[in-house]
Protein backbone atom coordinates (compact mmCIF):
# COMPACT_ATOMS: atom_id res chain seq x y z
CA MET A 1 0.00 0.00 0.00
CA PRO A 2 2.48 2.68 -1.18
CA ASP A 3 0.13 5.66 -0.69
CA ASP A 4 -0.56 4.84 2.96
CA ILE A 5 1.21 7.07 5.49
CA PHE A 6 1.77 4.11 7.85
CA GLN A 7 2.83 1.67 5.09
CA ASP A 8 2.30 -2.08 4.94
CA ALA A 9 3.51 -4.30 7.75
CA LEU A 10 6.50 -6.48 6.93
CA PRO A 11 6.42 -10.24 7.53
CA PRO A 12 8.65 -11.40 10.42
CA ALA A 13 11.31 -12.85 8.10
CA GLN A 14 11.89 -9.44 6.47
CA ARG A 15 12.16 -7.38 9.64
CA THR A 16 15.60 -6.08 10.64
CA PRO A 17 16.55 -6.77 14.28
CA ARG A 18 16.77 -3.41 16.07
CA LYS A 19 17.69 -4.41 19.61
CA ARG A 20 21.24 -3.49 20.58
CA THR A 21 23.30 -6.29 22.08
CA PHE A 22 24.03 -5.92 25.79
CA THR A 23 27.79 -5.55 26.29
CA GLU A 24 30.22 -5.27 29.19
CA ARG A 25 30.25 -1.51 28.69
CA ASP A 26 26.62 -1.43 29.80
CA ARG A 27 27.53 -2.71 33.26
CA ARG A 28 27.99 -0.50 36.33
CA THR A 29 29.93 -1.62 39.41
CA LEU A 30 28.43 -1.49 42.90
CA HIS A 31 30.89 1.27 43.84
CA GLU A 32 29.84 3.35 40.85
CA ARG A 33 26.14 2.84 41.52
CA LEU A 34 26.47 3.82 45.18
CA THR A 35 28.42 6.90 44.10
CA ASP A 36 25.63 7.77 41.66
CA CYS A 37 23.08 7.58 44.49
CA ALA A 38 25.17 9.64 46.91
CA HIS A 39 25.60 12.48 44.38
CA ASN A 40 21.97 12.58 43.19
CA PRO A 41 20.57 16.02 44.19
CA ASP A 42 17.04 14.58 44.29
CA LEU A 43 18.03 12.61 47.38
CA TYR A 44 18.72 15.84 49.25
CA ASP A 45 15.56 17.54 47.97
CA LEU A 46 13.50 14.64 49.30
CA ALA A 47 15.24 14.87 52.68
CA GLU A 48 14.44 18.58 52.94
CA ALA A 49 10.76 17.85 52.31
CA LEU A 50 10.51 15.64 55.41
CA PRO A 51 9.35 17.38 58.61
CA PRO A 52 12.20 18.30 61.00
CA PRO A 53 12.78 16.15 64.11
CA GLY A 54 10.92 17.04 67.29
CA ARG A 55 12.64 18.60 70.27
CA VAL A 56 11.68 15.79 72.65
CA GLY A 57 13.83 12.68 72.92
CA ARG A 58 17.39 11.77 72.15
CA ARG A 59 19.10 13.50 69.27
CA ARG A 60 19.23 11.51 66.05
CA GLY A 61 22.49 9.91 65.11
CA TYR A 62 21.90 10.29 61.38
CA PRO A 63 20.07 12.87 59.25
CA ASP A 64 17.12 11.90 57.05
CA VAL A 65 19.25 11.99 53.91
CA ALA A 66 21.39 9.15 55.30
CA PHE A 67 18.36 6.88 55.51
CA LEU A 68 17.18 7.91 52.04
CA PHE A 69 20.64 6.94 50.79
CA PHE A 70 20.23 3.65 52.67
CA LEU A 71 16.89 3.19 50.88
CA ALA A 72 18.45 3.67 47.44
CA ALA A 73 21.50 1.57 48.33
CA ARG A 74 19.21 -1.24 49.49
CA SER A 75 17.90 -1.48 45.91
CA VAL A 76 21.49 -1.77 44.65
CA LEU A 77 22.50 -4.38 47.25
CA ALA A 78 19.16 -6.30 47.33
CA SER A 79 18.61 -6.36 51.13
CA ALA A 80 18.80 -4.18 54.23
CA ARG A 81 21.16 -6.64 55.93
CA ARG A 82 23.70 -6.44 53.08
CA THR A 83 23.34 -2.67 52.88
CA ALA A 84 24.03 -2.21 56.60
CA ALA A 85 27.06 -4.51 56.34
CA HIS A 86 28.49 -2.51 53.44
CA LEU A 87 27.88 0.88 55.04
CA GLU A 88 29.64 -0.21 58.24
CA ASP A 89 32.82 -0.28 56.16
CA PRO A 90 34.38 3.23 56.51
CA GLU A 91 35.63 3.09 52.92
CA ILE A 92 32.12 2.49 51.58
CA TRP A 93 30.64 5.09 53.93
CA LYS A 94 33.08 7.65 52.49
CA ILE A 95 31.07 7.47 49.27
CA PHE A 96 28.07 8.98 51.04
CA ARG A 97 30.22 11.47 52.98
CA SER A 98 31.66 12.73 49.70
CA GLY A 99 28.13 13.14 48.32
CA VAL A 100 27.06 15.15 51.38
CA ARG A 101 30.20 17.28 51.10
CA SER A 102 29.40 17.99 47.46
CA GLU A 103 25.71 18.79 48.02
CA LEU A 104 25.54 20.24 51.56
CA GLY A 105 29.07 21.38 52.31
CA ALA A 106 32.06 20.23 54.35
CA GLU A 107 30.47 21.11 57.71
CA ALA A 108 27.50 18.78 57.13
CA ALA A 109 29.86 15.98 56.11
CA LEU A 110 31.94 16.41 59.31
CA LEU A 111 28.83 16.00 61.46
CA LEU A 112 28.23 12.48 60.10
CA PRO A 113 29.32 9.44 62.15
CA GLU A 114 32.35 7.45 61.00
CA THR A 115 30.23 4.55 59.68
CA GLY A 116 26.71 4.09 58.35
CA PRO A 117 23.53 3.14 60.21
CA THR A 118 22.95 -0.40 61.39
CA ARG A 119 20.05 -2.52 60.26
CA SER A 120 18.15 -1.92 63.49
CA GLN A 121 18.59 1.85 63.09
CA TRP A 122 17.28 1.54 59.53
CA LEU A 123 14.23 -0.45 60.65
CA HIS A 124 13.45 2.24 63.21
CA ALA A 125 13.86 5.05 60.66
CA GLN A 126 11.80 3.15 58.10
CA ARG A 127 8.72 3.46 60.31
CA ARG A 128 8.96 7.23 60.03
CA LEU A 129 9.63 7.18 56.29
CA ARG A 130 6.60 4.91 55.75
CA ASP A 131 4.35 7.60 57.22
CA HIS A 132 5.57 10.03 54.55
CA ALA A 133 5.77 7.60 51.61
CA ASP A 134 2.94 9.25 49.67
CA GLY A 135 4.39 12.74 50.18
CA LEU A 136 7.84 11.59 49.09
CA TRP A 137 6.39 10.03 45.94
CA ASP A 138 4.37 13.18 45.12
CA LEU A 139 7.57 15.23 45.23
CA TYR A 140 9.70 12.71 43.43
CA ARG A 141 7.29 12.47 40.49
CA MET A 142 8.06 16.11 39.77
CA LEU A 143 11.79 15.67 40.32
CA ALA A 144 11.93 12.62 38.03
CA LEU A 145 10.09 14.47 35.28
CA ASP A 146 12.47 17.42 35.63
CA GLN A 147 15.37 14.98 35.23
CA ALA A 148 13.80 13.51 32.10
CA LEU A 149 13.37 16.97 30.57
CA GLU A 150 16.99 17.84 31.39
CA GLN A 151 18.13 14.68 29.61
CA GLY A 152 16.28 15.56 26.41
CA ILE A 153 13.17 13.43 26.96
CA PHE A 154 9.81 14.99 26.00
CA PRO A 155 11.37 18.10 24.38
CA GLY A 156 8.80 20.86 24.06
CA ASP A 157 10.54 22.69 21.21
CA GLU A 158 11.04 19.70 18.90
CA THR A 159 8.97 19.07 15.79
CA ARG A 160 6.37 16.37 16.43
CA SER A 161 5.06 13.91 13.88
CA TRP A 162 1.85 12.28 15.08
CA SER A 163 2.13 9.60 12.43
CA ASN A 164 5.74 8.75 13.38
CA PRO A 165 6.54 9.64 17.03
CA GLY A 166 10.04 9.29 18.44
CA ARG A 167 11.02 6.98 21.27
CA HIS A 168 11.93 9.92 23.53
CA GLN A 169 8.47 11.44 23.02
CA LEU A 170 6.52 8.48 24.41
CA ILE A 171 5.91 6.94 27.82
CA ALA A 172 6.51 3.20 28.18
CA ALA A 173 4.18 1.85 30.86
CA ASP A 174 3.03 -1.53 32.11
CA GLY A 175 1.78 -3.27 35.22
CA THR A 176 3.60 -6.04 37.05
CA VAL A 177 2.83 -8.34 39.96
CA LEU A 178 5.70 -8.46 42.44
CA LYS A 179 6.20 -11.71 44.30
CA SER A 180 4.79 -11.63 47.80
CA PRO A 181 7.43 -11.63 50.57
CA THR A 182 5.80 -14.79 51.95
CA LEU A 183 4.05 -17.81 50.50
CA ALA A 184 1.53 -17.82 53.35
CA ARG A 185 -1.96 -16.61 52.45
CA ALA A 186 -3.63 -17.07 55.85
CA HIS A 187 -2.65 -16.02 59.37
CA ARG A 188 -2.77 -19.60 60.60
CA SER A 189 -2.79 -23.12 59.26
CA ILE A 190 -3.61 -26.51 60.81
CA ASP A 191 -1.62 -29.68 60.19
CA MET A 192 -4.35 -32.19 59.37
CA LYS A 193 -2.22 -35.12 60.63
CA THR A 194 -1.00 -33.77 63.96
CA GLY A 195 -3.53 -31.02 64.63
CA GLU A 196 -0.69 -28.53 65.16
CA ILE A 197 -1.69 -24.90 64.69
CA ARG A 198 0.92 -22.74 62.98
CA TYR A 199 0.82 -18.96 62.81
CA HIS A 200 2.17 -17.06 59.81
CA ARG A 201 2.99 -13.51 58.87
CA ILE A 202 1.17 -12.49 55.71
CA ASP A 203 1.48 -9.48 53.44
CA PRO A 204 -1.71 -7.36 53.60
CA ALA A 205 -1.00 -5.89 50.15
CA SER A 206 -0.72 -9.23 48.35
CA ALA A 207 -3.61 -10.91 46.56
CA PRO A 208 -4.10 -13.45 43.77
CA GLN A 209 -3.56 -11.61 40.49
CA ARG A 210 -3.96 -12.52 36.85
CA GLU A 211 -1.02 -11.56 34.65
CA GLY A 212 -1.06 -10.73 30.93
CA GLY A 213 -0.33 -14.28 29.80
CA GLY A 214 -3.22 -15.62 31.88
CA ASN A 215 -0.94 -17.02 34.60
CA GLU A 216 -1.90 -16.52 38.23
CA ALA A 217 0.56 -14.72 40.50
CA TYR A 218 0.37 -13.87 44.19
CA GLY A 219 1.51 -10.46 45.29
CA PRO A 220 0.77 -6.73 44.94
CA LYS A 221 0.45 -5.09 41.52
CA TYR A 222 2.24 -1.89 40.53
CA VAL A 223 2.29 0.14 37.32
CA PHE A 224 5.63 1.67 36.31
CA PHE A 225 6.11 4.56 33.89
CA SER A 226 9.43 5.27 32.18
CA ALA A 227 10.94 6.98 29.16
CA ARG A 228 14.22 6.72 27.31
CA LYS A 229 16.03 9.03 24.91
CA ASP A 230 17.81 6.35 22.89
CA GLU A 231 18.44 2.62 22.76
CA ASN A 232 21.08 2.53 25.49
CA TYR A 233 20.10 0.54 28.55
CA LEU A 234 21.23 2.92 31.28
CA SER A 235 19.58 6.06 29.88
CA ARG A 236 16.07 5.11 31.06
CA VAL A 237 14.36 7.49 33.49
CA PHE A 238 11.58 6.11 35.68
CA LEU A 239 8.85 8.72 35.96
CA ASP A 240 6.36 7.14 38.33
CA SER A 241 5.16 4.00 40.08
CA ARG A 242 1.61 3.45 41.31
CA TYR A 243 0.07 0.74 43.44
CA VAL A 244 -3.03 -0.98 42.04
CA PRO A 245 -5.41 -1.93 44.88
CA HIS A 246 -6.93 -5.37 44.52
CA GLN A 247 -10.34 -5.21 42.80
CA HIS A 248 -9.88 -1.50 42.15
CA PRO A 249 -12.65 -0.17 39.81
CA GLY A 250 -11.10 -0.25 36.36
CA GLY A 251 -8.09 -2.20 37.62
CA GLU A 252 -4.58 -1.67 36.35
CA ALA A 253 -5.67 0.25 33.25
CA ALA A 254 -7.57 2.90 35.22
CA ILE A 255 -4.54 3.57 37.43
CA ALA A 256 -2.30 3.68 34.34
CA VAL A 257 -4.54 6.21 32.56
CA ASP A 258 -4.40 8.54 35.59
CA GLY A 259 -0.61 8.30 35.63
CA VAL A 260 -0.28 8.96 31.90
CA LEU A 261 -2.56 12.00 32.04
CA ASP A 262 -0.62 13.44 34.99
CA ILE A 263 2.66 13.15 33.07
CA MET A 264 1.16 14.60 29.89
CA ASP A 265 -0.22 17.58 31.82
CA ARG A 266 3.23 18.42 33.20
CA ALA A 267 5.22 17.63 30.04
CA PRO A 268 3.74 19.28 26.91
CA GLY A 269 6.37 17.51 24.78
CA CYS A 270 4.99 14.08 25.73
CA MET A 271 3.06 12.69 22.76
CA GLY A 272 1.43 9.65 24.36
CA VAL A 273 1.97 6.18 25.74
CA LEU A 274 2.97 2.67 24.74
CA TYR A 275 0.91 0.03 26.54
CA ASP A 276 -0.18 -3.57 26.14
CA GLY A 277 -3.62 -5.06 25.54
CA ALA A 278 -4.88 -4.00 28.97
CA PHE A 279 -5.85 -0.68 27.38
CA ARG A 280 -9.25 -0.91 25.71
CA GLY A 281 -11.40 1.67 23.95
CA THR A 282 -12.43 3.57 27.08
CA HIS A 283 -8.78 4.08 28.05
CA ARG A 284 -7.76 5.18 24.55
CA ASP A 285 -10.66 7.61 24.55
CA ALA A 286 -9.56 9.29 27.80
CA ILE A 287 -5.97 9.82 26.60
CA ALA A 288 -6.86 10.77 23.02
CA ARG A 289 -9.29 13.45 24.26
CA ARG A 290 -6.36 15.01 26.15
CA GLY A 291 -4.29 15.05 22.97
CA GLY A 292 -2.18 11.92 23.40
CA LEU A 293 -1.40 8.92 21.24
CA VAL A 294 -2.12 5.41 22.52
CA ILE A 295 -0.01 2.80 20.75
CA ASN A 296 -1.06 -0.72 21.65
CA LYS A 297 -2.48 -3.86 20.06
CA GLN A 298 -6.08 -4.57 19.21
CA HIS A 299 -8.02 -6.85 21.52
CA LYS A 300 -8.22 -10.34 20.03
CA GLY A 301 -11.99 -10.45 20.44
CA ASN A 302 -12.62 -7.44 18.17
CA GLU A 303 -14.56 -8.60 15.14
CA PRO A 304 -15.02 -6.41 12.03
CA GLN A 305 -17.99 -4.08 12.29
CA PHE A 306 -19.95 -2.31 9.58
CA TYR A 307 -19.20 1.42 9.60
CA GLU A 308 -21.05 3.18 6.76
CA THR A 309 -21.89 3.12 3.06
CA LEU A 310 -20.65 5.97 0.86
CA ARG A 311 -22.38 6.94 -2.36
CA PRO A 312 -20.26 9.68 -3.96
CA GLY A 313 -21.89 9.94 -7.38
CA ARG A 314 -22.36 6.74 -9.40
CA CYS A 315 -20.20 4.46 -7.15
CA ILE A 316 -20.91 2.72 -3.85
CA HIS A 317 -18.30 1.98 -1.18
CA GLU A 318 -19.15 -0.18 1.83
CA LEU A 319 -16.79 0.66 4.70
CA TRP A 320 -16.05 -1.52 7.71
CA ALA A 321 -13.93 -1.12 10.84
CA ALA A 322 -11.38 -3.96 10.92
CA ASN A 323 -7.96 -4.38 12.54
CA GLY A 324 -7.96 -0.86 13.94
CA ARG A 325 -8.71 0.97 10.67
CA ILE A 326 -11.29 1.49 7.92
CA ALA A 327 -11.46 -1.21 5.26
CA GLU A 328 -13.63 -1.48 2.17
CA LYS A 329 -15.67 -4.59 1.49
CA VAL A 330 -14.66 -5.56 -2.05
CA PRO A 331 -16.67 -8.21 -3.99
CA PHE A 332 -14.96 -10.60 -6.41
CA ALA A 333 -16.23 -12.37 -9.53
CA ASP A 334 -16.45 -15.73 -7.74
CA GLY A 335 -18.95 -14.33 -5.24
CA THR A 336 -16.50 -13.91 -2.36
CA THR A 337 -15.70 -10.65 -0.61
CA GLU A 338 -12.66 -9.31 1.19
CA LEU A 339 -12.05 -6.40 3.57
CA VAL A 340 -9.29 -4.36 1.94
CA PRO A 341 -7.65 -1.62 4.07
CA VAL A 342 -8.28 1.88 2.74
CA PRO A 343 -5.08 3.96 2.36
CA ILE A 344 -4.61 6.60 5.07
CA ARG A 345 -3.05 9.82 3.79
CA ARG A 346 -2.88 11.82 7.05
CA LEU A 347 -3.40 11.50 10.79
CA GLU A 348 -4.91 14.77 12.03
CA ARG A 349 -5.29 16.14 15.55
CA ARG A 350 -7.72 18.99 16.08
CA GLY A 351 -8.79 20.93 19.13
CA THR A 352 -7.33 22.88 22.05
CA ARG A 353 -8.45 21.52 25.40
CA THR A 354 -10.45 18.56 24.16
CA TYR A 355 -8.93 16.96 21.08
CA ARG A 356 -10.35 15.01 18.14
CA TRP A 357 -8.41 12.68 15.88
CA TYR A 358 -9.03 11.84 12.23
CA HIS A 359 -7.76 9.58 9.48
CA VAL A 360 -7.89 11.27 6.09
CA LEU A 361 -8.63 8.38 3.72
CA GLU A 362 -8.12 8.08 -0.01
CA ILE A 363 -10.67 5.54 -1.22
CA PRO A 364 -9.62 3.97 -4.53
CA CYS A 365 -12.31 4.04 -7.21
CA ARG A 366 -12.51 3.44 -10.97
CA HIS A 367 -14.20 6.84 -11.25
CA GLY A 368 -11.34 8.52 -9.40
CA SER A 369 -10.17 8.38 -5.77
CA HIS A 370 -12.36 9.90 -3.04
CA ASN A 371 -11.03 11.71 0.03
CA HIS A 372 -12.95 10.95 3.20
CA ARG A 373 -12.26 11.97 6.81
CA VAL A 374 -13.05 9.48 9.59
CA ALA A 375 -12.83 10.18 13.34
CA VAL A 376 -10.66 7.71 15.30
CA ALA A 377 -9.58 7.00 18.91
CA THR A 378 -12.48 8.81 20.61
CA THR A 379 -16.09 7.69 21.02
CA SER A 380 -18.55 10.56 20.70
CA ARG A 381 -21.23 10.78 23.38
CA ALA A 382 -24.83 11.88 23.29
CA GLY A 383 -24.88 15.67 23.06
CA GLU A 384 -21.54 15.94 21.25
CA ARG A 385 -23.15 15.28 17.86
CA PRO A 386 -26.62 15.99 16.43
CA ALA A 387 -29.33 13.80 17.93
CA GLY A 388 -28.99 10.18 16.84
CA GLU A 389 -25.56 10.65 15.21
CA SER A 390 -23.22 10.10 18.19
CA ASP A 391 -21.31 6.82 18.51
CA GLU A 392 -22.96 6.21 21.87
CA GLU A 393 -26.42 6.36 20.32
CA ARG A 394 -25.35 4.27 17.33
CA GLY A 395 -23.82 1.62 19.60
CA PHE A 396 -20.44 1.90 17.88
CA HIS A 397 -17.42 2.00 20.21
CA ARG A 398 -15.15 3.96 17.88
CA ALA A 399 -12.15 4.10 20.24
CA GLU A 400 -12.25 0.32 20.56
CA HIS A 401 -12.26 -0.36 16.82
CA LEU A 402 -10.31 2.52 15.22
CA GLN A 403 -6.75 3.21 16.36
CA GLN A 404 -4.66 6.30 15.73
CA ILE A 405 -1.78 4.13 14.47
CA PRO A 406 -3.32 0.85 13.27
CA GLU A 407 -1.70 -2.35 14.47
CA TYR A 408 -1.00 -4.09 11.18
CA THR A 409 1.20 -1.32 9.73
CA ARG A 410 4.91 -0.74 9.36
CA THR A 411 4.84 2.29 11.67
CA HIS A 412 3.26 0.22 14.43
CA GLN A 413 5.91 -2.46 13.92
CA LEU A 414 8.66 0.14 14.38
CA VAL A 415 7.20 2.07 17.34
CA TYR A 416 5.37 -0.53 19.45
CA PRO A 417 8.54 -2.53 20.36
CA TYR A 418 9.66 0.46 22.47
CA ARG A 419 7.09 -0.83 24.99
CA SER A 420 9.59 -3.56 25.94
CA ASP A 421 11.30 -0.85 28.02
CA ALA A 422 8.57 -1.37 30.60
CA GLU A 423 9.17 -5.11 30.80
CA SER A 424 12.94 -4.71 31.03
CA GLY A 425 12.35 -2.28 33.92
CA HIS A 426 10.32 -4.98 35.68
CA SER A 427 13.21 -7.41 35.19
CA GLN A 428 15.59 -4.89 36.77
CA LEU A 429 13.26 -4.51 39.72
CA ASP A 430 13.04 -8.29 40.23
CA ALA A 431 16.83 -8.52 40.04
CA SER A 432 17.15 -5.85 42.77
CA LEU A 433 15.12 -7.97 45.22
CA TRP A 434 16.56 -10.74 47.37
CA ASN A 435 15.66 -14.01 45.62
CA GLY A 436 13.39 -12.01 43.31
CA ARG A 437 10.83 -11.61 46.11
CA LEU A 438 9.60 -8.51 47.93
CA ILE A 439 11.45 -7.67 51.12
CA SER A 440 8.73 -5.40 52.55
CA TYR A 441 5.29 -6.04 54.03
CA GLY A 442 2.40 -3.66 53.47
CA VAL A 443 1.64 -1.00 50.88
CA GLU A 444 3.47 1.88 52.55
CA ALA A 445 6.69 -0.09 53.01
CA GLN A 446 6.47 -1.35 49.44
CA LYS A 447 5.98 2.19 48.14
CA LEU A 448 9.24 3.05 49.88
CA LEU A 449 10.88 0.06 48.20
CA THR A 450 9.76 1.16 44.72
CA LEU A 451 10.91 4.71 45.51
CA GLY A 452 14.35 3.39 46.42
CA PHE A 453 14.47 1.37 43.20
CA VAL A 454 13.63 4.27 40.87
CA LEU A 455 15.99 6.57 42.82
CA ALA A 456 18.87 4.14 42.28
CA GLN A 457 18.09 3.64 38.58
CA ASN A 458 17.60 7.34 37.88
CA SER A 459 20.78 8.21 39.78
CA THR A 460 22.83 6.17 37.32
CA SER A 461 21.01 7.65 34.35
CA ARG A 462 21.69 11.17 35.65
CA ALA A 463 25.34 10.45 36.39
CA LEU A 464 26.02 9.09 32.91
CA HIS A 465 24.21 12.02 31.33
CA GLU A 466 26.26 14.54 33.32
CA GLU A 467 29.49 12.70 32.51
CA GLY A 468 28.63 12.70 28.82
CA SER A 469 29.34 8.97 28.80
CA PRO A 470 29.81 7.30 25.42
CA LEU A 471 27.21 4.76 26.64
CA LEU A 472 24.57 7.41 26.07
CA SER A 473 25.75 8.18 22.56
CA PRO A 474 23.53 6.66 19.84
CA ASN A 475 26.68 5.64 17.96
CA ALA A 476 28.30 3.89 20.94
């Protein structure tokens, strides 16, 4: 289909592999990663946002920023026990002292103890941090987005092509179920042979969940949002993480839509989101109305639906919605018919506060091609169109059946694989946990854990950007 702006999809055998091979140069030592965390200015901004200590009681041995560094270092070292053991080494603790000296001055560094906090001191401080987990996340969402903008992600002054968005202009988001810290699902169990009653600690945030492949997992679900400027592994910036309560109305997708809209509101250069099949028509509609692209796959249960019949002059064209786009039902001499995709010449976005999206079609015809504009991605409601003409009144879920960038096109094949960033981020999170299992019980403690993870990952991304590392060069 040479006249189609999105072009024909290529068969798998003809596609060129685009994933860059992971090399030794992509690795970062523990010393380097701890140094990245210690010199991240966001760590100190978060510490300043915490309320000051009260005047009653014994004076604290460590400032808040030391425990926030412990939180980030715990993600690097996989457990609090290992982190405390490393920070008790004066040579390792000097990494944090040098970060404090750089950010807060020599006097603040001299006030620090000779070694880092113990595990028991961390567990005590963690109780206080848990009480402020939501406030810390609210602040860090803004700090992370500022970092992304500084690193050239979501540029507001760059030319945007809605029919061919760049990787650095899109959010990669996905939900994941983290393994519960315990296998126990009940507070007590009874041995049916001996009658022994055993008591267990359970995680109140964990629940049976259904993952994308249909497999059942037990644990809490979180949605992570990230963006990347280029194909290099360490350049990713995590923008947000949100907990999905079990049986939340709308589930994972509803939480994800809220997160995407919040990022788009604060970053005008953000063009939309890459997501999996959890996004359906209602979710596309919400994001498209705010001016964003939603690039995902069609739901497998979507069957072709009749759209309309055009009669421009002497010809008749029967149009259907199939595979995310408009297709014409073409009859053949043997009595069979086939739905043939209609070439799309332009993808248009119109509006200011509430946006509308259109495919400008060029319908082939023996009497001469016809141009026809079709709305996509949003489902009109009663009152938005003349009586009886809205999609809601017609019973046609337009956002479910007509995509902005149809799935079976070359553009979709090139852009949609960027979504794998979200899954690789989940793999990094699993690798940062002891035995791949959560090390925290309860939502508030787990929110702290995810905060520590994104702090550690973004610290490395920031450090490499500031160093001008060849790892972040597209030609590296």
